[in-house]
Amino acid sequence: MNDSGGLFFVLMAGLAGVMTIVYFPLRFFLTATARSRRLKLLQRIRKLRDELGQPLES
């Protein structure tokens, strides 16, 4: 009975380790790409706003 408790602990610790190795880099990558997309969108909005503020050239 004592052996199964130790095995359970090792299994849970291993799963936690795998989750840490997979989750944190994935979360960091997704956050970085979302910020990058948001920044590009804001830059496009500013550019369009500047273009709309200028008079039309004919």
Protein backbone atom coordinates (compact mmCIF):
# COMPACT_ATOMS: atom_id res chain seq x y z
CA MET A 1 0.00 0.00 0.00
CA ASN A 2 2.87 2.34 0.77
CA ASP A 3 4.34 1.76 -2.68
CA SER A 4 1.18 2.89 -4.50
CA GLY A 5 1.20 6.20 -2.57
CA GLY A 6 4.76 6.85 -3.65
CA LEU A 7 3.96 5.92 -7.23
CA PHE A 8 0.98 8.27 -7.21
CA PHE A 9 3.17 11.12 -5.92
CA VAL A 10 5.82 10.50 -8.58
CA LEU A 11 3.13 10.38 -11.28
CA MET A 12 1.55 13.66 -10.12
CA ALA A 13 4.96 15.35 -9.83
CA GLY A 14 5.83 14.16 -13.35
CA LEU A 15 2.56 15.46 -14.77
CA ALA A 16 3.13 18.81 -13.05
CA GLY A 17 6.62 18.97 -14.54
CA VAL A 18 5.40 18.18 -18.04
CA MET A 19 2.64 20.76 -17.72
CA THR A 20 5.16 23.37 -16.63
CA ILE A 21 7.48 22.57 -19.52
CA VAL A 22 4.64 22.75 -22.08
CA TYR A 23 2.29 25.38 -20.63
CA PHE A 24 4.60 28.26 -19.77
CA PRO A 25 6.45 28.52 -23.11
CA LEU A 26 3.16 28.12 -24.97
CA ARG A 27 1.49 30.82 -22.85
CA PHE A 28 4.48 33.14 -23.33
CA PHE A 29 4.40 32.62 -27.12
CA LEU A 30 0.65 33.23 -27.38
CA THR A 31 0.89 36.38 -25.26
CA ALA A 32 3.78 37.73 -27.34
CA THR A 33 1.99 37.10 -30.64
CA ALA A 34 -1.23 38.67 -29.36
CA ARG A 35 0.66 41.79 -28.29
CA SER A 36 2.37 41.92 -31.66
CA ARG A 37 -0.95 41.70 -33.51
CA ARG A 38 -2.49 44.34 -31.26
CA LEU A 39 0.46 46.68 -31.85
CA LYS A 40 0.24 46.24 -35.63
CA LEU A 41 -3.50 46.96 -35.53
CA LEU A 42 -2.96 50.12 -33.49
CA GLN A 43 -0.29 51.27 -35.93
CA ARG A 44 -2.67 50.72 -38.87
CA ILE A 45 -5.41 52.67 -37.08
CA ARG A 46 -3.02 55.58 -36.39
CA LYS A 47 -1.87 55.59 -40.02
CA LEU A 48 -5.46 55.63 -41.30
CA ARG A 49 -6.36 58.38 -38.84
CA ASP A 50 -3.41 60.47 -40.06
CA GLU A 51 -4.39 59.87 -43.70
CA LEU A 52 -7.98 60.89 -43.02
CA GLY A 53 -6.82 64.07 -41.30
CA GLN A 54 -4.95 65.24 -44.41
CA PRO A 55 -6.81 66.98 -47.24
CA LEU A 56 -7.46 65.00 -50.43
CA GLU A 57 -4.98 65.45 -53.25
CA SER A 58 -6.53 65.89 -56.69
